Amino acid sequence: MTRLPPQLWLGAALTAVFLAAALLSFLWVPHDPNALNIAAKLRAPSTTHWLGTDHFGRDLVSMLMVGARTSMAVALIAVGIGIGIGVPLGLAAAARRGSWLDELIMRGNDLIFAFPSLVIAILITAIFGPSATNAILAIGIFNIPVFARVARGSALTIWTQDFILAARVAGKGAARINVEHILPNITNLLIVQGTIQFSLGILAEAGLSYVGLGAQPPTPSWGRMLADAQTMIYTEPRLAMVPGLTIVLMVLGLNLMGDGLRDMLDPRLRRLREGAA
C-alpha cells in the first residue's frame, strides 16, 4: 500500500478548511458581510466578532468566508478554461510535431506568455470594465499556454511508445489516439499542474482585486480587503494580517497538495526519493 506523502495530508487539510468555509458561506455566515455598522467599527476579536470588524464595522470572518468562494470560483473557472482549451491544443501540437500547426500553436503560446495576466486584465478591463468575469478571462487566457505546453511535452514522450505505434498500425487516427491513449496517460500530470495553477489563480485573483480589476463591491474579496486595510497598516495591522495570512495559507495548502500529488503520482520521483532516504 502506497504511503501518502505528509505534505499531501497537510496541504489537503488546509485546502479542506477553506473549501468548507466557502461552501458553508452559501448557507450561513456569522453576520451580513456587506452590512455597515459604523458604531461597531474596528472592534477587537470577541465572541460576537471572532476576528473583529473593519473600519466600516463589517465582520471579518463573514467577509473571509464569502471572499473564499469568490476567489475559489474565479480560480476554478480560470483553470477550467486553461484545461478545456490548452490541453486539446497541446495534444494537437504533439500529434503534428514539426508541422505548421505545431509551430502556430507554440508561437501563439509564446505570444500569450509575453503578456502577464495583470497586463491582459488591464487590457480586458479597458474594453469591458472591471469585474470578476473579466478577471476569470484574464487568468484563464494565461492558463491556456501553460496547459498546452504541459500536454504537448508529456504527450511527445508517449507518442514514441510501442503501443502508440501499434494503435497507428491498427488504423486509429491521431484524434482517437489522443483520446484513448495519450490523454489517460498524462492525466496525472494535468491534475498536478491544475492544482498548481489553482493556487496561482487564487493569488492572481487577489492581486487583481487589490488593484481594483477583480470582483467589485459589494462582493467581498481577499484582495480588496488588503487594499482597504493598507491605509491603516500601522494603526490597525490586524485588518491587513487577517486576509494576508488567509491568502498565504490557502496558496501554501494548494502548493503542498500539488507537491504531494506529484510525489504520489510520479513513480520515478518516488523511487528517487526513497533511494535517497
Protein backbone atom coordinates (compact mmCIF):
# COMPACT_ATOMS: atom_id res chain seq x y z
CA MET A 1 0.00 0.00 0.00
CA THR A 2 1.42 3.37 -1.04
CA ARG A 3 2.03 5.72 1.87
CA LEU A 4 0.65 9.18 1.20
CA PRO A 5 3.26 11.96 1.37
CA PRO A 6 2.96 14.09 4.55
CA GLN A 7 2.79 17.31 2.54
CA LEU A 8 -0.26 15.93 0.75
CA TRP A 9 -2.04 15.43 4.07
CA LEU A 10 -1.12 18.90 5.31
CA GLY A 11 -2.00 20.60 2.04
CA ALA A 12 -5.29 18.74 1.73
CA ALA A 13 -6.20 19.67 5.32
CA LEU A 14 -5.51 23.38 4.77
CA THR A 15 -7.39 23.36 1.47
CA ALA A 16 -10.33 21.49 3.02
CA VAL A 17 -10.70 24.15 5.73
CA PHE A 18 -11.04 26.96 3.21
CA LEU A 19 -13.22 24.88 0.90
CA ALA A 20 -15.54 24.07 3.80
CA ALA A 21 -15.72 27.77 4.74
CA ALA A 22 -16.54 28.70 1.13
CA LEU A 23 -19.29 26.08 0.88
CA LEU A 24 -20.68 26.96 4.30
CA SER A 25 -20.94 30.63 3.27
CA PHE A 26 -23.70 29.69 0.82
CA LEU A 27 -25.83 28.55 3.76
CA TRP A 28 -24.62 30.56 6.75
CA VAL A 29 -22.29 33.36 7.80
CA PRO A 30 -21.99 34.88 11.28
CA HIS A 31 -23.03 38.33 10.01
CA ASP A 32 -24.00 40.00 6.78
CA PRO A 33 -20.61 40.72 5.16
CA ASN A 34 -21.98 43.80 3.40
CA ALA A 35 -23.76 45.33 6.40
CA LEU A 36 -22.16 48.59 7.51
CA ASN A 37 -22.17 49.32 11.24
CA ILE A 38 -20.05 52.38 11.97
CA ALA A 39 -20.85 52.12 15.68
CA ALA A 40 -19.08 48.74 15.74
CA LYS A 41 -16.05 49.69 13.62
CA LEU A 42 -12.56 48.43 14.45
CA ARG A 43 -13.73 46.16 17.25
CA ALA A 44 -11.24 43.64 18.59
CA PRO A 45 -11.89 39.89 18.30
CA SER A 46 -14.69 38.73 20.59
CA THR A 47 -17.35 36.07 20.89
CA THR A 48 -19.61 38.21 18.68
CA HIS A 49 -16.99 39.01 16.04
CA TRP A 50 -14.39 36.22 16.11
CA LEU A 51 -11.74 38.19 14.20
CA GLY A 52 -13.12 41.65 14.92
CA THR A 53 -14.54 44.21 12.50
CA ASP A 54 -13.08 46.53 9.89
CA HIS A 55 -13.28 50.32 9.62
CA PHE A 56 -16.86 50.07 8.34
CA GLY A 57 -17.98 47.71 11.10
CA ARG A 58 -18.15 44.68 8.82
CA ASP A 59 -17.44 41.28 10.33
CA LEU A 60 -14.06 39.97 9.13
CA VAL A 61 -14.92 36.28 9.43
CA SER A 62 -18.01 36.72 7.27
CA MET A 63 -16.03 38.64 4.67
CA LEU A 64 -13.33 35.95 4.62
CA MET A 65 -15.88 33.18 4.14
CA VAL A 66 -17.64 34.89 1.25
CA GLY A 67 -14.31 36.02 -0.16
CA ALA A 68 -13.15 32.39 -0.15
CA ARG A 69 -15.92 31.34 -2.51
CA THR A 70 -15.23 34.33 -4.75
CA SER A 71 -11.52 33.53 -5.02
CA MET A 72 -12.09 29.80 -5.48
CA ALA A 73 -14.77 30.30 -8.11
CA VAL A 74 -12.58 32.66 -10.13
CA ALA A 75 -9.54 30.37 -9.91
CA LEU A 76 -11.51 27.17 -10.61
CA ILE A 77 -13.23 28.55 -13.72
CA ALA A 78 -9.94 30.04 -14.95
CA VAL A 79 -8.23 26.65 -14.57
CA GLY A 80 -11.15 25.05 -16.38
CA ILE A 81 -10.63 27.46 -19.29
CA GLY A 82 -6.93 26.60 -19.37
CA ILE A 83 -7.59 22.86 -19.37
CA GLY A 84 -10.51 22.98 -21.79
CA ILE A 85 -8.60 24.96 -24.42
CA GLY A 86 -4.93 24.38 -23.64
CA VAL A 87 -4.95 20.58 -23.38
CA PRO A 88 -6.58 19.97 -26.79
CA LEU A 89 -4.17 22.46 -28.36
CA GLY A 90 -1.20 20.74 -26.74
CA LEU A 91 -2.37 17.31 -27.84
CA ALA A 92 -2.93 18.54 -31.38
CA ALA A 93 0.54 20.09 -31.47
CA ALA A 94 2.15 16.87 -30.22
CA ALA A 95 0.28 14.79 -32.80
CA ARG A 96 1.53 17.08 -35.58
CA ARG A 97 5.03 17.69 -34.24
CA GLY A 98 7.10 19.83 -36.55
CA SER A 99 4.14 20.84 -38.73
CA TRP A 100 2.76 24.31 -39.33
CA LEU A 101 0.02 23.57 -36.77
CA ASP A 102 2.57 22.77 -34.08
CA GLU A 103 4.51 25.91 -34.91
CA LEU A 104 1.37 28.07 -34.89
CA ILE A 105 0.20 26.76 -31.51
CA MET A 106 3.58 27.12 -29.83
CA ARG A 107 4.24 30.61 -31.19
CA GLY A 108 0.76 31.60 -30.03
CA ASN A 109 1.67 30.31 -26.58
CA ASP A 110 4.83 32.39 -26.62
CA LEU A 111 2.79 35.46 -27.52
CA ILE A 112 0.46 35.00 -24.56
CA PHE A 113 3.39 34.33 -22.22
CA ALA A 114 4.86 37.68 -23.28
CA PHE A 115 2.00 39.45 -21.50
CA PRO A 116 1.47 38.76 -17.78
CA SER A 117 -2.07 38.14 -16.55
CA LEU A 118 -2.17 41.63 -14.99
CA VAL A 119 -1.44 43.24 -18.35
CA ILE A 120 -4.09 41.07 -20.02
CA ALA A 121 -6.54 42.03 -17.25
CA ILE A 122 -5.84 45.73 -17.76
CA LEU A 123 -6.47 45.32 -21.48
CA ILE A 124 -9.74 43.44 -20.93
CA THR A 125 -10.81 45.91 -18.26
CA ALA A 126 -10.12 48.86 -20.53
CA ILE A 127 -12.51 47.34 -23.06
CA PHE A 128 -15.22 45.75 -20.91
CA GLY A 129 -14.73 47.28 -17.45
CA PRO A 130 -13.51 45.70 -14.17
CA SER A 131 -15.39 42.66 -12.86
CA ALA A 132 -14.87 39.12 -11.58
CA THR A 133 -15.83 37.80 -15.03
CA ASN A 134 -13.05 39.76 -16.68
CA ALA A 135 -10.61 38.55 -14.03
CA ILE A 136 -11.62 34.99 -14.93
CA LEU A 137 -10.96 35.71 -18.60
CA ALA A 138 -7.56 37.24 -17.88
CA ILE A 139 -6.39 34.38 -15.64
CA GLY A 140 -7.96 31.76 -17.91
CA ILE A 141 -6.23 33.12 -21.01
CA PHE A 142 -2.89 32.98 -19.19
CA ASN A 143 -3.58 29.35 -18.18
CA ILE A 144 -4.11 28.20 -21.77
CA PRO A 145 -0.42 28.17 -22.83
CA VAL A 146 0.58 26.59 -19.51
CA PHE A 147 -1.61 23.55 -20.05
CA ALA A 148 -0.82 23.48 -23.76
CA ARG A 149 2.90 23.19 -23.01
CA VAL A 150 2.40 20.56 -20.31
CA ALA A 151 0.11 18.50 -22.54
CA ARG A 152 2.41 18.77 -25.55
CA GLY A 153 5.60 17.97 -23.65
CA SER A 154 4.19 14.93 -21.88
CA ALA A 155 2.35 13.71 -24.98
CA LEU A 156 5.50 13.81 -27.11
CA THR A 157 7.17 11.18 -24.92
CA ILE A 158 4.15 8.88 -25.20
CA TRP A 159 3.91 9.19 -28.97
CA THR A 160 7.24 7.34 -29.22
CA GLN A 161 5.97 4.30 -27.29
CA ASP A 162 5.40 0.95 -28.98
CA PHE A 163 1.71 0.75 -28.04
CA ILE A 164 1.09 4.02 -29.92
CA LEU A 165 2.77 2.54 -33.00
CA ALA A 166 0.50 -0.50 -32.64
CA ALA A 167 -2.54 1.76 -32.46
CA ARG A 168 -1.47 3.57 -35.62
CA VAL A 169 -0.91 0.27 -37.41
CA ALA A 170 -4.42 -0.74 -36.33
CA GLY A 171 -5.74 2.25 -38.28
CA LYS A 172 -6.52 4.64 -35.44
CA GLY A 173 -6.29 8.32 -36.29
CA ALA A 174 -4.45 10.97 -34.29
CA ALA A 175 -7.60 12.29 -32.62
CA ARG A 176 -8.67 8.82 -31.46
CA ILE A 177 -5.18 8.00 -30.21
CA ASN A 178 -5.11 11.26 -28.25
CA VAL A 179 -8.42 10.47 -26.56
CA GLU A 180 -7.93 6.74 -25.95
CA HIS A 181 -4.20 6.51 -25.24
CA ILE A 182 -2.43 9.85 -24.77
CA LEU A 183 -4.88 11.66 -22.50
CA PRO A 184 -5.29 8.83 -19.94
CA ASN A 185 -1.50 8.61 -19.64
CA ILE A 186 -0.99 12.32 -18.96
CA THR A 187 -3.96 12.86 -16.67
CA ASN A 188 -1.79 12.61 -13.56
CA LEU A 189 0.46 15.41 -14.78
CA LEU A 190 -2.55 17.55 -15.65
CA ILE A 191 -4.00 17.04 -12.17
CA VAL A 192 -0.77 18.17 -10.53
CA GLN A 193 -0.46 21.15 -12.85
CA GLY A 194 -4.11 22.01 -12.28
CA THR A 195 -3.52 22.13 -8.53
CA ILE A 196 -0.56 24.46 -9.00
CA GLN A 197 -2.47 26.70 -11.40
CA PHE A 198 -5.40 26.79 -9.00
CA SER A 199 -3.14 28.19 -6.29
CA LEU A 200 -1.71 30.72 -8.73
CA GLY A 201 -5.26 31.62 -9.73
CA ILE A 202 -6.11 32.38 -6.10
CA LEU A 203 -3.05 34.62 -5.89
CA ALA A 204 -3.80 36.29 -9.24
CA GLU A 205 -7.41 36.97 -8.26
CA ALA A 206 -6.28 38.58 -5.02
CA GLY A 207 -3.78 40.71 -6.92
CA LEU A 208 -6.34 41.83 -9.49
CA SER A 209 -8.87 42.66 -6.77
CA TYR A 210 -6.18 44.55 -4.88
CA VAL A 211 -5.69 46.92 -7.82
CA GLY A 212 -9.43 47.17 -8.46
CA LEU A 213 -9.64 44.90 -11.53
CA GLY A 214 -11.29 41.88 -9.90
CA ALA A 215 -14.57 41.40 -8.05
CA GLN A 216 -16.29 44.72 -7.49
CA PRO A 217 -18.12 45.99 -4.38
CA PRO A 218 -20.21 44.88 -2.62
CA THR A 219 -18.83 41.37 -3.35
CA PRO A 220 -16.20 40.60 -0.67
CA SER A 221 -12.73 39.75 -1.90
CA TRP A 222 -9.50 38.93 -0.08
CA GLY A 223 -7.51 41.24 -2.35
CA ARG A 224 -9.81 44.19 -1.80
CA MET A 225 -9.75 43.58 1.95
CA LEU A 226 -5.99 44.07 1.74
CA ALA A 227 -6.41 47.20 -0.37
CA ASP A 228 -8.91 48.67 2.11
CA ALA A 229 -6.55 47.99 5.02
CA GLN A 230 -3.38 49.46 3.52
CA THR A 231 -4.08 52.97 4.81
CA MET A 232 -4.33 51.61 8.39
CA ILE A 233 -1.43 49.19 8.29
CA TYR A 234 0.30 50.90 11.25
CA THR A 235 -2.76 51.74 13.35
CA GLU A 236 -4.75 48.53 12.72
CA PRO A 237 -2.35 45.89 11.31
CA ARG A 238 -4.90 43.18 12.08
CA LEU A 239 -7.03 44.32 9.12
CA ALA A 240 -4.20 43.52 6.70
CA MET A 241 -2.82 40.49 8.53
CA VAL A 242 -6.12 38.58 8.50
CA PRO A 243 -6.67 38.50 4.71
CA GLY A 244 -2.93 38.37 4.05
CA LEU A 245 -2.42 35.25 6.18
CA THR A 246 -5.56 33.73 4.68
CA ILE A 247 -4.14 34.08 1.16
CA VAL A 248 -0.76 32.72 2.28
CA LEU A 249 -2.29 29.67 3.97
CA MET A 250 -4.61 28.95 1.05
CA VAL A 251 -1.82 29.13 -1.52
CA LEU A 252 0.53 27.18 0.76
CA GLY A 253 -2.06 24.43 1.20
CA LEU A 254 -2.61 24.07 -2.54
CA ASN A 255 1.11 24.08 -3.28
CA LEU A 256 1.77 21.42 -0.64
CA MET A 257 -1.07 19.33 -2.03
CA GLY A 258 0.29 19.70 -5.56
CA ASP A 259 3.76 18.70 -4.39
CA GLY A 260 2.33 15.69 -2.57
CA LEU A 261 0.29 14.64 -5.58
CA ARG A 262 3.39 14.87 -7.75
CA ASP A 263 5.32 12.61 -5.37
CA MET A 264 2.46 10.14 -5.20
CA LEU A 265 1.59 10.03 -8.91
CA ASP A 266 5.13 10.06 -10.31
CA PRO A 267 6.68 6.63 -9.56
CA ARG A 268 10.11 7.69 -10.84
CA LEU A 269 10.31 10.64 -8.45
CA ARG A 270 9.05 8.47 -5.61
CA ARG A 271 11.74 5.84 -6.24
CA LEU A 272 14.44 8.52 -6.36
CA ARG A 273 13.35 9.97 -3.01
CA GLU A 274 13.08 6.54 -1.42
CA GLY A 275 16.56 5.69 -2.70
CA ALA A 276 17.98 8.94 -1.32
CA ALA A 277 16.40 8.21 2.05
